[in-house]
Amino acid sequence: MSSRHLLSIEDLDRSGIERILARAASFAEVSGREIKKLPTLRGRRVLNLFYENSTRTRSSFEIAAKTLSADVTNFNVSGSSVEKGESLKDTVQTLSAYDPAAIVIRHPHAGAAALVANWTPAAVVNAGDGKHEHPTQALLDVFTLTRRIGALDGKRIWIVGDVEHSRVARSNVLAFTRMGAHVTVCGPPTLIPRGIEALGCDVRFTLDELRDADVVYALRMQNERMKDAYLPSLREYVATYQINGRRLGPRQVLMHPGPVNRGVELSGDVVDSPQAVISAQVEAGVVVRMAVLYELLAGARTPSPQPAHRVLA
């Protein structure tokens, strides 16, 4: 990794992404052993600083750091001085006094992780900043997909749904295109950000060409971020954009960042189909986040593993 932090997929070139994938693959082999702990980060502190709710990301970062033998502290905004009005900067500077090796930050405001990186000597990992980015999600998605279908060069990936409010969509467009895929984002015009083509993707407003895709990546409707009426009705959205058994072709791979709203963006039958790699995405979260922490905190001292694409049937 070129810098001390992982704030955006733009921090990584293709070889940087491949290095993390190769490292994650080596950790995946370790996770099959009876004793899963590695001594790599023994004596180092990792702080999880989450200003928004999270199940998968926070728990997988915690498991990843502990598997590398780091000491982990989960900072809960509820019950802290944040509720008394303490600023993000003061909170970060207070926690930095405990000499963490890394701070994993999730925050509702875009750019928060980049600000934190200016306020602490620790390595900073962006675990989601508002509608901006979620780089480790994109990395685990690339990892999951390459293990399922091999290299992404020339593959057609459709990202469908609430792109406007999705930090996952932005990071994934950058990561998938960097790995050679052709990315199309699709959804109602009100949920497609103006100018998103600048990230290197195509835009569609209907699912008419969905069958051309090799991979269909469905996004959750983020009602908690919607201040305005973006859709006439949820029923109309489901009728037009839901990925279901009629719309999903038998050779297509289905992805979703979770949590899934069954019956909204995905029908229950496709969630449970063999084409879905949603549970594999969750499993990949631990080894990919182990790889990110390793590269930031220990990677400079060790040789780069050679990337390998292993296709699973």
C-alpha atoms as a PDB file:
ATOM      1  CA  MET A   1       0.000   0.000   0.000  1.00  0.00           C
ATOM      2  CA  SER A   2       1.419   3.353  -1.017  1.00  0.00           C
ATOM      3  CA  SER A   3       0.362   5.312   2.069  1.00  0.00           C
ATOM      4  CA  ARG A   4      -0.051   4.725   5.792  1.00  0.00           C
ATOM      5  CA  HIS A   5      -3.834   4.769   5.434  1.00  0.00           C
ATOM      6  CA  LEU A   6      -6.670   3.183   3.449  1.00  0.00           C
ATOM      7  CA  LEU A   7      -9.153   6.000   2.901  1.00  0.00           C
ATOM      8  CA  SER A   8     -10.305   5.263  -0.652  1.00  0.00           C
ATOM      9  CA  ILE A   9      -9.929   2.653  -3.370  1.00  0.00           C
ATOM     10  CA  GLU A  10      -8.134   5.443  -5.222  1.00  0.00           C
ATOM     11  CA  ASP A  11      -5.254   4.903  -2.751  1.00  0.00           C
ATOM     12  CA  LEU A  12      -4.628   1.564  -4.503  1.00  0.00           C
ATOM     13  CA  ASP A  13      -3.494   0.736  -8.016  1.00  0.00           C
ATOM     14  CA  ARG A  14      -4.230  -2.674  -9.509  1.00  0.00           C
ATOM     15  CA  SER A  15      -1.038  -4.213  -8.152  1.00  0.00           C
ATOM     16  CA  GLY A  16      -1.916  -2.857  -4.694  1.00  0.00           C
ATOM     17  CA  ILE A  17      -5.331  -4.510  -4.859  1.00  0.00           C
ATOM     18  CA  GLU A  18      -3.781  -7.767  -6.073  1.00  0.00           C
ATOM     19  CA  ARG A  19      -1.275  -7.690  -3.224  1.00  0.00           C
ATOM     20  CA  ILE A  20      -4.116  -7.449  -0.669  1.00  0.00           C
ATOM     21  CA  LEU A  21      -6.056 -10.229  -2.437  1.00  0.00           C
ATOM     22  CA  ALA A  22      -3.001 -12.494  -2.364  1.00  0.00           C
ATOM     23  CA  ARG A  23      -2.432 -11.741   1.315  1.00  0.00           C
ATOM     24  CA  ALA A  24      -6.114 -12.443   2.047  1.00  0.00           C
ATOM     25  CA  ALA A  25      -5.884 -15.761   0.177  1.00  0.00           C
ATOM     26  CA  SER A  26      -2.958 -16.796   2.367  1.00  0.00           C
ATOM     27  CA  PHE A  27      -4.952 -15.877   5.477  1.00  0.00           C
ATOM     28  CA  ALA A  28      -7.924 -17.868   4.163  1.00  0.00           C
ATOM     29  CA  GLU A  29      -5.722 -20.964   4.239  1.00  0.00           C
ATOM     30  CA  VAL A  30      -4.774 -20.213   7.866  1.00  0.00           C
ATOM     31  CA  SER A  31      -8.433 -19.818   8.829  1.00  0.00           C
ATOM     32  CA  GLY A  32      -8.990 -23.466   7.936  1.00  0.00           C
ATOM     33  CA  ARG A  33      -6.588 -24.563  10.677  1.00  0.00           C
ATOM     34  CA  GLU A  34      -7.650 -25.546  14.179  1.00  0.00           C
ATOM     35  CA  ILE A  35      -5.572 -22.762  15.766  1.00  0.00           C
ATOM     36  CA  LYS A  36      -6.380 -19.618  13.829  1.00  0.00           C
ATOM     37  CA  LYS A  37      -4.319 -16.953  15.626  1.00  0.00           C
ATOM     38  CA  LEU A  38      -1.202 -15.394  14.148  1.00  0.00           C
ATOM     39  CA  PRO A  39       1.294 -13.418  16.266  1.00  0.00           C
ATOM     40  CA  THR A  40       1.796 -10.678  13.644  1.00  0.00           C
ATOM     41  CA  LEU A  41       0.310  -7.710  15.522  1.00  0.00           C
ATOM     42  CA  ARG A  42       0.949  -8.858  19.094  1.00  0.00           C
ATOM     43  CA  GLY A  43       1.274  -5.837  21.371  1.00  0.00           C
ATOM     44  CA  ARG A  44      -0.327  -3.454  18.855  1.00  0.00           C
ATOM     45  CA  ARG A  45      -3.624  -1.666  19.555  1.00  0.00           C
ATOM     46  CA  VAL A  46      -6.487  -1.329  17.071  1.00  0.00           C
ATOM     47  CA  LEU A  47      -9.410   1.002  17.858  1.00  0.00           C
ATOM     48  CA  ASN A  48     -12.804   0.544  16.203  1.00  0.00           C
ATOM     49  CA  LEU A  49     -14.436   3.992  16.167  1.00  0.00           C
ATOM     50  CA  PHE A  50     -17.974   3.592  14.805  1.00  0.00           C
ATOM     51  CA  TYR A  51     -20.376   6.542  14.715  1.00  0.00           C
ATOM     52  CA  GLU A  52     -22.961   4.509  12.779  1.00  0.00           C
ATOM     53  CA  ASN A  53     -24.506   1.095  13.363  1.00  0.00           C
ATOM     54  CA  SER A  54     -22.694  -1.891  11.893  1.00  0.00           C
ATOM     55  CA  THR A  55     -22.819  -5.644  12.297  1.00  0.00           C
ATOM     56  CA  ARG A  56     -20.649  -7.150   9.560  1.00  0.00           C
ATOM     57  CA  THR A  57     -17.961  -4.497   9.219  1.00  0.00           C
ATOM     58  CA  ARG A  58     -17.311  -3.877  12.893  1.00  0.00           C
ATOM     59  CA  SER A  59     -17.383  -7.521  13.924  1.00  0.00           C
ATOM     60  CA  SER A  60     -15.146  -8.599  11.031  1.00  0.00           C
ATOM     61  CA  PHE A  61     -12.586  -5.857  11.786  1.00  0.00           C
ATOM     62  CA  GLU A  62     -12.597  -6.971  15.433  1.00  0.00           C
ATOM     63  CA  ILE A  63     -12.141 -10.648  14.533  1.00  0.00           C
ATOM     64  CA  ALA A  64      -9.475  -9.734  11.943  1.00  0.00           C
ATOM     65  CA  ALA A  65      -7.421  -7.701  14.417  1.00  0.00           C
ATOM     66  CA  LYS A  66      -7.751 -10.303  17.177  1.00  0.00           C
ATOM     67  CA  THR A  67      -6.758 -13.108  14.803  1.00  0.00           C
ATOM     68  CA  LEU A  68      -3.563 -11.144  14.154  1.00  0.00           C
ATOM     69  CA  SER A  69      -3.137 -10.965  17.971  1.00  0.00           C
ATOM     70  CA  ALA A  70      -3.763  -7.207  18.235  1.00  0.00           C
ATOM     71  CA  ASP A  71      -5.465  -5.701  21.291  1.00  0.00           C
ATOM     72  CA  VAL A  72      -8.848  -4.358  20.144  1.00  0.00           C
ATOM     73  CA  THR A  73     -11.017  -1.663  21.700  1.00  0.00           C
ATOM     74  CA  ASN A  74     -14.505  -0.974  20.390  1.00  0.00           C
ATOM     75  CA  PHE A  75     -15.362   2.659  21.046  1.00  0.00           C
ATOM     76  CA  ASN A  76     -19.106   3.168  21.502  1.00  0.00           C
ATOM     77  CA  VAL A  77     -20.400   6.651  20.757  1.00  0.00           C
ATOM     78  CA  SER A  78     -23.389   5.938  22.985  1.00  0.00           C
ATOM     79  CA  GLY A  79     -22.361   6.670  26.567  1.00  0.00           C
ATOM     80  CA  SER A  80     -19.191   8.526  25.535  1.00  0.00           C
ATOM     81  CA  SER A  81     -18.254  12.213  25.668  1.00  0.00           C
ATOM     82  CA  VAL A  82     -19.553  12.522  22.090  1.00  0.00           C
ATOM     83  CA  GLU A  83     -23.021  12.655  23.633  1.00  0.00           C
ATOM     84  CA  LYS A  84     -21.802  15.650  25.656  1.00  0.00           C
ATOM     85  CA  GLY A  85     -20.815  17.439  22.469  1.00  0.00           C
ATOM     86  CA  GLU A  86     -17.170  16.400  22.080  1.00  0.00           C
ATOM     87  CA  SER A  87     -15.967  16.968  18.525  1.00  0.00           C
ATOM     88  CA  LEU A  88     -14.605  14.230  16.283  1.00  0.00           C
ATOM     89  CA  LYS A  89     -11.181  15.887  16.388  1.00  0.00           C
ATOM     90  CA  ASP A  90     -11.076  15.978  20.186  1.00  0.00           C
ATOM     91  CA  THR A  91     -12.286  12.377  20.408  1.00  0.00           C
ATOM     92  CA  VAL A  92      -9.589  11.199  17.985  1.00  0.00           C
ATOM     93  CA  GLN A  93      -6.858  13.144  19.739  1.00  0.00           C
ATOM     94  CA  THR A  94      -7.965  11.744  23.112  1.00  0.00           C
ATOM     95  CA  LEU A  95      -7.944   8.168  21.801  1.00  0.00           C
ATOM     96  CA  SER A  96      -4.582   8.745  20.090  1.00  0.00           C
ATOM     97  CA  ALA A  97      -3.086   9.293  23.531  1.00  0.00           C
ATOM     98  CA  TYR A  98      -3.525   5.529  24.031  1.00  0.00           C
ATOM     99  CA  ASP A  99      -1.022   4.975  21.175  1.00  0.00           C
ATOM    100  CA  PRO A 100      -3.153   2.888  18.795  1.00  0.00           C
ATOM    101  CA  ALA A 101      -1.423   1.358  15.777  1.00  0.00           C
ATOM    102  CA  ALA A 102      -4.617   1.734  13.756  1.00  0.00           C
ATOM    103  CA  ILE A 103      -7.995   3.460  13.983  1.00  0.00           C
ATOM    104  CA  VAL A 104     -10.879   1.958  12.008  1.00  0.00           C
ATOM    105  CA  ILE A 105     -13.457   4.722  11.524  1.00  0.00           C
ATOM    106  CA  ARG A 106     -17.072   4.714  10.338  1.00  0.00           C
ATOM    107  CA  HIS A 107     -18.793   8.092  10.243  1.00  0.00           C
ATOM    108  CA  PRO A 108     -21.952   9.542   8.670  1.00  0.00           C
ATOM    109  CA  HIS A 109     -20.075  12.413   6.997  1.00  0.00           C
ATOM    110  CA  ALA A 110     -18.148  12.043   3.731  1.00  0.00           C
ATOM    111  CA  GLY A 111     -14.477  12.827   4.198  1.00  0.00           C
ATOM    112  CA  ALA A 112     -14.427  12.080   7.937  1.00  0.00           C
ATOM    113  CA  ALA A 113     -11.771   9.362   7.588  1.00  0.00           C
ATOM    114  CA  ALA A 114      -9.458  11.730   5.695  1.00  0.00           C
ATOM    115  CA  LEU A 115      -9.832  14.304   8.484  1.00  0.00           C
ATOM    116  CA  VAL A 116      -9.048  11.690  11.132  1.00  0.00           C
ATOM    117  CA  ALA A 117      -5.869  10.778   9.245  1.00  0.00           C
ATOM    118  CA  ASN A 118      -4.671  14.374   9.786  1.00  0.00           C
ATOM    119  CA  TRP A 119      -5.309  14.241  13.536  1.00  0.00           C
ATOM    120  CA  THR A 120      -3.577  11.021  14.582  1.00  0.00           C
ATOM    121  CA  PRO A 121      -0.223   9.278  14.093  1.00  0.00           C
ATOM    122  CA  ALA A 122      -2.116   5.969  13.789  1.00  0.00           C
ATOM    123  CA  ALA A 123      -2.882   4.243  10.498  1.00  0.00           C
ATOM    124  CA  VAL A 124      -6.492   5.032   9.539  1.00  0.00           C
ATOM    125  CA  VAL A 125      -8.860   2.654   7.766  1.00  0.00           C
ATOM    126  CA  ASN A 126     -12.085   4.053   6.307  1.00  0.00           C
ATOM    127  CA  ALA A 127     -14.901   1.666   7.279  1.00  0.00           C
ATOM    128  CA  GLY A 128     -17.478   3.874   5.538  1.00  0.00           C
ATOM    129  CA  ASP A 129     -17.833   7.648   5.420  1.00  0.00           C
ATOM    130  CA  GLY A 130     -21.340   8.823   4.626  1.00  0.00           C
ATOM    131  CA  LYS A 131     -22.247   8.341   0.964  1.00  0.00           C
ATOM    132  CA  HIS A 132     -18.594   8.578  -0.061  1.00  0.00           C
ATOM    133  CA  GLU A 133     -16.657   5.291   0.106  1.00  0.00           C
ATOM    134  CA  HIS A 134     -16.305   1.880   1.770  1.00  0.00           C
ATOM    135  CA  PRO A 135     -12.978   0.566   0.422  1.00  0.00           C
ATOM    136  CA  THR A 136     -12.693  -2.672   2.417  1.00  0.00           C
ATOM    137  CA  GLN A 137     -16.161  -3.736   1.209  1.00  0.00           C
ATOM    138  CA  ALA A 138     -14.985  -3.263  -2.369  1.00  0.00           C
ATOM    139  CA  LEU A 139     -11.837  -5.289  -1.675  1.00  0.00           C
ATOM    140  CA  LEU A 140     -13.764  -8.180  -0.146  1.00  0.00           C
ATOM    141  CA  ASP A 141     -16.169  -8.088  -3.097  1.00  0.00           C
ATOM    142  CA  VAL A 142     -13.283  -8.303  -5.582  1.00  0.00           C
ATOM    143  CA  PHE A 143     -11.791 -11.134  -3.493  1.00  0.00           C
ATOM    144  CA  THR A 144     -15.103 -13.037  -3.431  1.00  0.00           C
ATOM    145  CA  LEU A 145     -15.674 -12.568  -7.146  1.00  0.00           C
ATOM    146  CA  THR A 146     -12.186 -13.548  -8.299  1.00  0.00           C
ATOM    147  CA  ARG A 147     -12.411 -16.760  -6.269  1.00  0.00           C
ATOM    148  CA  ARG A 148     -15.749 -17.512  -7.945  1.00  0.00           C
ATOM    149  CA  ILE A 149     -15.132 -16.531 -11.589  1.00  0.00           C
ATOM    150  CA  GLY A 150     -11.406 -15.770 -11.885  1.00  0.00           C
ATOM    151  CA  ALA A 151      -9.859 -12.553 -13.209  1.00  0.00           C
ATOM    152  CA  LEU A 152     -12.325  -9.712 -13.800  1.00  0.00           C
ATOM    153  CA  ASP A 153     -10.806  -8.464 -17.066  1.00  0.00           C
ATOM    154  CA  GLY A 154     -13.618  -7.965 -19.577  1.00  0.00           C
ATOM    155  CA  LYS A 155     -16.334  -9.134 -17.166  1.00  0.00           C
ATOM    156  CA  ARG A 156     -19.603  -7.155 -17.184  1.00  0.00           C
ATOM    157  CA  ILE A 157     -20.839  -6.148 -13.744  1.00  0.00           C
ATOM    158  CA  TRP A 158     -24.166  -4.414 -13.127  1.00  0.00           C
ATOM    159  CA  ILE A 159     -24.714  -2.540  -9.846  1.00  0.00           C
ATOM    160  CA  VAL A 160     -28.467  -2.115  -9.369  1.00  0.00           C
ATOM    161  CA  GLY A 161     -30.503  -0.048  -6.917  1.00  0.00           C
ATOM    162  CA  ASP A 162     -29.947   2.923  -4.620  1.00  0.00           C
ATOM    163  CA  VAL A 163     -26.648   4.130  -6.066  1.00  0.00           C
ATOM    164  CA  GLU A 164     -27.235   7.701  -4.840  1.00  0.00           C
ATOM    165  CA  HIS A 165     -26.822   6.816  -1.155  1.00  0.00           C
ATOM    166  CA  SER A 166     -24.349   3.943  -1.572  1.00  0.00           C
ATOM    167  CA  ARG A 167     -20.714   4.309  -0.541  1.00  0.00           C
ATOM    168  CA  VAL A 168     -20.343   0.657  -1.575  1.00  0.00           C
ATOM    169  CA  ALA A 169     -21.329   1.501  -5.163  1.00  0.00           C
ATOM    170  CA  ARG A 170     -18.682   4.213  -5.462  1.00  0.00           C
ATOM    171  CA  SER A 171     -15.877   2.067  -4.064  1.00  0.00           C
ATOM    172  CA  ASN A 172     -16.942  -0.931  -6.147  1.00  0.00           C
ATOM    173  CA  VAL A 173     -17.094   0.994  -9.425  1.00  0.00           C
ATOM    174  CA  LEU A 174     -13.509   2.122  -8.782  1.00  0.00           C
ATOM    175  CA  ALA A 175     -12.283  -1.324  -7.709  1.00  0.00           C
ATOM    176  CA  PHE A 176     -14.044  -3.363 -10.403  1.00  0.00           C
ATOM    177  CA  THR A 177     -12.904  -1.040 -13.213  1.00  0.00           C
ATOM    178  CA  ARG A 178      -9.360  -1.014 -11.826  1.00  0.00           C
ATOM    179  CA  MET A 179      -9.409  -4.815 -12.130  1.00  0.00           C
ATOM    180  CA  GLY A 180     -10.480  -4.623 -15.790  1.00  0.00           C
ATOM    181  CA  ALA A 181     -14.263  -5.075 -15.556  1.00  0.00           C
ATOM    182  CA  HIS A 182     -16.916  -3.094 -17.430  1.00  0.00           C
ATOM    183  CA  VAL A 183     -19.315  -1.640 -14.837  1.00  0.00           C
ATOM    184  CA  THR A 184     -22.881  -0.429 -15.385  1.00  0.00           C
ATOM    185  CA  VAL A 185     -24.924   1.233 -12.650  1.00  0.00           C
ATOM    186  CA  CYS A 186     -28.695   0.993 -12.918  1.00  0.00           C
ATOM    187  CA  GLY A 187     -31.641   2.360 -10.981  1.00  0.00           C
ATOM    188  CA  PRO A 188     -34.368   4.996 -11.005  1.00  0.00           C
ATOM    189  CA  PRO A 189     -33.069   8.364 -12.299  1.00  0.00           C
ATOM    190  CA  THR A 190     -33.640   9.868  -8.826  1.00  0.00           C
ATOM    191  CA  LEU A 191     -31.245   7.304  -7.305  1.00  0.00           C
ATOM    192  CA  ILE A 192     -28.385   7.663  -9.821  1.00  0.00           C
ATOM    193  CA  PRO A 193     -25.954  10.461  -8.837  1.00  0.00           C
ATOM    194  CA  ARG A 194     -25.358  13.069 -11.499  1.00  0.00           C
ATOM    195  CA  GLY A 195     -21.926  12.673 -13.081  1.00  0.00           C
ATOM    196  CA  ILE A 196     -21.216   9.184 -11.755  1.00  0.00           C
ATOM    197  CA  GLU A 197     -19.968   8.247 -15.249  1.00  0.00           C
ATOM    198  CA  ALA A 198     -16.800  10.142 -14.318  1.00  0.00           C
ATOM    199  CA  LEU A 199     -15.857   7.130 -12.144  1.00  0.00           C
ATOM    200  CA  GLY A 200     -15.645   5.042 -15.319  1.00  0.00           C
ATOM    201  CA  CYS A 201     -19.042   3.321 -15.457  1.00  0.00           C
ATOM    202  CA  ASP A 202     -22.052   3.289 -17.794  1.00  0.00           C
ATOM    203  CA  VAL A 203     -25.544   4.267 -16.637  1.00  0.00           C
ATOM    204  CA  ARG A 204     -28.879   2.589 -17.380  1.00  0.00           C
ATOM    205  CA  PHE A 205     -32.331   3.340 -16.026  1.00  0.00           C
ATOM    206  CA  THR A 206     -34.000   0.026 -16.920  1.00  0.00           C
ATOM    207  CA  LEU A 207     -33.085  -3.646 -16.532  1.00  0.00           C
ATOM    208  CA  ASP A 208     -33.696  -4.345 -20.254  1.00  0.00           C
ATOM    209  CA  GLU A 209     -30.029  -5.310 -20.842  1.00  0.00           C
ATOM    210  CA  LEU A 210     -29.437  -7.015 -17.478  1.00  0.00           C
ATOM    211  CA  ARG A 211     -29.063 -10.424 -19.138  1.00  0.00           C
ATOM    212  CA  ASP A 212     -25.779  -9.206 -20.689  1.00  0.00           C
ATOM    213  CA  ALA A 213     -24.193  -9.026 -17.222  1.00  0.00           C
ATOM    214  CA  ASP A 214     -21.856 -11.664 -15.817  1.00  0.00           C
ATOM    215  CA  VAL A 215     -22.395 -10.344 -12.281  1.00  0.00           C
ATOM    216  CA  VAL A 216     -25.439  -8.629 -10.756  1.00  0.00           C
ATOM    217  CA  TYR A 217     -24.699  -6.616  -7.616  1.00  0.00           C
ATOM    218  CA  ALA A 218     -27.881  -5.474  -5.848  1.00  0.00           C
ATOM    219  CA  LEU A 219     -27.871  -2.563  -3.403  1.00  0.00           C
ATOM    220  CA  ARG A 220     -30.064  -1.995  -0.372  1.00  0.00           C
ATOM    221  CA  MET A 221     -32.625   0.806  -0.380  1.00  0.00           C
ATOM    222  CA  GLN A 222     -31.116   3.137   2.229  1.00  0.00           C
ATOM    223  CA  ASN A 223     -34.298   4.647   3.612  1.00  0.00           C
ATOM    224  CA  GLU A 224     -32.419   6.017   6.636  1.00  0.00           C
ATOM    225  CA  ARG A 225     -30.478   8.375   4.326  1.00  0.00           C
ATOM    226  CA  MET A 226     -33.476   9.513   2.289  1.00  0.00           C
ATOM    227  CA  LYS A 227     -34.732  12.937   3.328  1.00  0.00           C
ATOM    228  CA  ASP A 228     -36.855  13.434   0.197  1.00  0.00           C
ATOM    229  CA  ALA A 229     -39.330  11.325  -1.751  1.00  0.00           C
ATOM    230  CA  TYR A 230     -37.041   9.568  -4.223  1.00  0.00           C
ATOM    231  CA  LEU A 231     -39.618   7.038  -5.404  1.00  0.00           C
ATOM    232  CA  PRO A 232     -43.363   7.136  -6.109  1.00  0.00           C
ATOM    233  CA  SER A 233     -43.705   3.939  -4.043  1.00  0.00           C
ATOM    234  CA  LEU A 234     -41.725   0.947  -2.879  1.00  0.00           C
ATOM    235  CA  ARG A 235     -44.165  -1.277  -4.767  1.00  0.00           C
ATOM    236  CA  GLU A 236     -43.273   0.455  -8.035  1.00  0.00           C
ATOM    237  CA  TYR A 237     -39.555   0.069  -7.297  1.00  0.00           C
ATOM    238  CA  VAL A 238     -40.003  -3.661  -6.655  1.00  0.00           C
ATOM    239  CA  ALA A 239     -41.980  -4.094  -9.877  1.00  0.00           C
ATOM    240  CA  THR A 240     -39.323  -2.316 -11.959  1.00  0.00           C
ATOM    241  CA  TYR A 241     -35.970  -3.056 -10.327  1.00  0.00           C
ATOM    242  CA  GLN A 242     -36.203  -6.082  -8.019  1.00  0.00           C
ATOM    243  CA  ILE A 243     -33.748  -8.858  -8.940  1.00  0.00           C
ATOM    244  CA  ASN A 244     -35.813 -12.047  -8.929  1.00  0.00           C
ATOM    245  CA  GLY A 245     -35.909 -15.472 -10.557  1.00  0.00           C
ATOM    246  CA  ARG A 246     -37.393 -14.065 -13.769  1.00  0.00           C
ATOM    247  CA  ARG A 247     -34.697 -11.425 -14.183  1.00  0.00           C
ATOM    248  CA  LEU A 248     -31.616 -13.324 -13.014  1.00  0.00           C
ATOM    249  CA  GLY A 249     -30.107 -15.585 -15.654  1.00  0.00           C
ATOM    250  CA  PRO A 250     -28.846 -19.053 -14.667  1.00  0.00           C
ATOM    251  CA  ARG A 251     -25.172 -18.243 -15.379  1.00  0.00           C
ATOM    252  CA  GLN A 252     -25.132 -14.906 -13.541  1.00  0.00           C
ATOM    253  CA  VAL A 253     -23.450 -14.421 -10.150  1.00  0.00           C
ATOM    254  CA  LEU A 254     -25.472 -12.477  -7.567  1.00  0.00           C
ATOM    255  CA  MET A 255     -23.909 -10.194  -4.933  1.00  0.00           C
ATOM    256  CA  HIS A 256     -25.243  -7.935  -2.163  1.00  0.00           C
ATOM    257  CA  PRO A 257     -23.335  -6.030   0.564  1.00  0.00           C
ATOM    258  CA  GLY A 258     -25.934  -6.799   3.245  1.00  0.00           C
ATOM    259  CA  PRO A 259     -28.133  -6.457   5.110  1.00  0.00           C
ATOM    260  CA  VAL A 260     -30.636  -7.726   2.520  1.00  0.00           C
ATOM    261  CA  ASN A 261     -34.192  -6.429   2.453  1.00  0.00           C
ATOM    262  CA  ARG A 262     -35.846  -9.633   1.231  1.00  0.00           C
ATOM    263  CA  GLY A 263     -38.750  -8.908  -1.057  1.00  0.00           C
ATOM    264  CA  VAL A 264     -37.455  -5.437  -1.943  1.00  0.00           C
ATOM    265  CA  GLU A 265     -34.186  -5.317  -3.908  1.00  0.00           C
ATOM    266  CA  LEU A 266     -33.976  -9.140  -4.000  1.00  0.00           C
ATOM    267  CA  SER A 267     -36.645 -11.828  -3.963  1.00  0.00           C
ATOM    268  CA  GLY A 268     -36.160 -14.556  -1.394  1.00  0.00           C
ATOM    269  CA  ASP A 269     -35.611 -17.270  -4.005  1.00  0.00           C
ATOM    270  CA  VAL A 270     -32.527 -15.603  -5.508  1.00  0.00           C
ATOM    271  CA  VAL A 271     -31.033 -14.801  -2.075  1.00  0.00           C
ATOM    272  CA  ASP A 272     -31.009 -18.530  -1.352  1.00  0.00           C
ATOM    273  CA  SER A 273     -29.964 -19.622  -4.849  1.00  0.00           C
ATOM    274  CA  PRO A 274     -26.577 -21.195  -5.660  1.00  0.00           C
ATOM    275  CA  GLN A 275     -25.821 -18.154  -7.821  1.00  0.00           C
ATOM    276  CA  ALA A 276     -25.705 -15.928  -4.723  1.00  0.00           C
ATOM    277  CA  VAL A 277     -22.291 -15.402  -3.122  1.00  0.00           C
ATOM    278  CA  ILE A 278     -23.662 -13.225  -0.302  1.00  0.00           C
ATOM    279  CA  SER A 279     -22.500 -15.531   2.504  1.00  0.00           C
ATOM    280  CA  ALA A 280     -19.090 -15.835   0.814  1.00  0.00           C
ATOM    281  CA  GLN A 281     -18.848 -12.029   0.882  1.00  0.00           C
ATOM    282  CA  VAL A 282     -19.416 -12.056   4.644  1.00  0.00           C
ATOM    283  CA  GLU A 283     -16.780 -14.778   5.118  1.00  0.00           C
ATOM    284  CA  ALA A 284     -14.308 -12.827   2.976  1.00  0.00           C
ATOM    285  CA  GLY A 285     -14.684  -9.803   5.257  1.00  0.00           C
ATOM    286  CA  VAL A 286     -12.410 -11.229   7.954  1.00  0.00           C
ATOM    287  CA  VAL A 287      -9.499 -12.370   5.774  1.00  0.00           C
ATOM    288  CA  VAL A 288      -9.573  -9.237   3.592  1.00  0.00           C
ATOM    289  CA  ARG A 289      -9.587  -6.953   6.618  1.00  0.00           C
ATOM    290  CA  MET A 290      -6.784  -9.026   8.125  1.00  0.00           C
ATOM    291  CA  ALA A 291      -4.871  -8.392   4.898  1.00  0.00           C
ATOM    292  CA  VAL A 292      -5.516  -4.639   5.046  1.00  0.00           C
ATOM    293  CA  LEU A 293      -4.380  -4.368   8.679  1.00  0.00           C
ATOM    294  CA  TYR A 294      -1.362  -6.536   7.901  1.00  0.00           C
ATOM    295  CA  GLU A 295      -0.316  -4.435   4.893  1.00  0.00           C
ATOM    296  CA  LEU A 296      -0.717  -1.156   6.806  1.00  0.00           C
ATOM    297  CA  LEU A 297       0.994  -2.262  10.001  1.00  0.00           C
ATOM    298  CA  ALA A 298       3.412  -5.024   9.021  1.00  0.00           C
ATOM    299  CA  GLY A 299       3.499  -5.303   5.224  1.00  0.00           C
ATOM    300  CA  ALA A 300       6.445  -2.986   4.623  1.00  0.00           C
ATOM    301  CA  ARG A 301       8.722  -5.443   6.408  1.00  0.00           C
ATOM    302  CA  THR A 302       7.740  -8.522   4.402  1.00  0.00           C
ATOM    303  CA  PRO A 303       7.909  -9.532   0.731  1.00  0.00           C
ATOM    304  CA  SER A 304       4.812  -9.239  -1.421  1.00  0.00           C
ATOM    305  CA  PRO A 305       2.992 -12.516  -2.079  1.00  0.00           C
ATOM    306  CA  GLN A 306       2.294 -13.349  -5.703  1.00  0.00           C
ATOM    307  CA  PRO A 307      -1.382 -12.798  -6.661  1.00  0.00           C
ATOM    308  CA  ALA A 308      -3.249 -15.930  -7.592  1.00  0.00           C
ATOM    309  CA  HIS A 309      -6.742 -16.279  -9.021  1.00  0.00           C
ATOM    310  CA  ARG A 310      -8.391 -19.503  -7.974  1.00  0.00           C
ATOM    311  CA  VAL A 311     -11.747 -20.281  -9.587  1.00  0.00           C
ATOM    312  CA  LEU A 312     -14.199 -22.206  -7.458  1.00  0.00           C
ATOM    313  CA  ALA A 313     -16.802 -24.319  -9.209  1.00  0.00           C
END
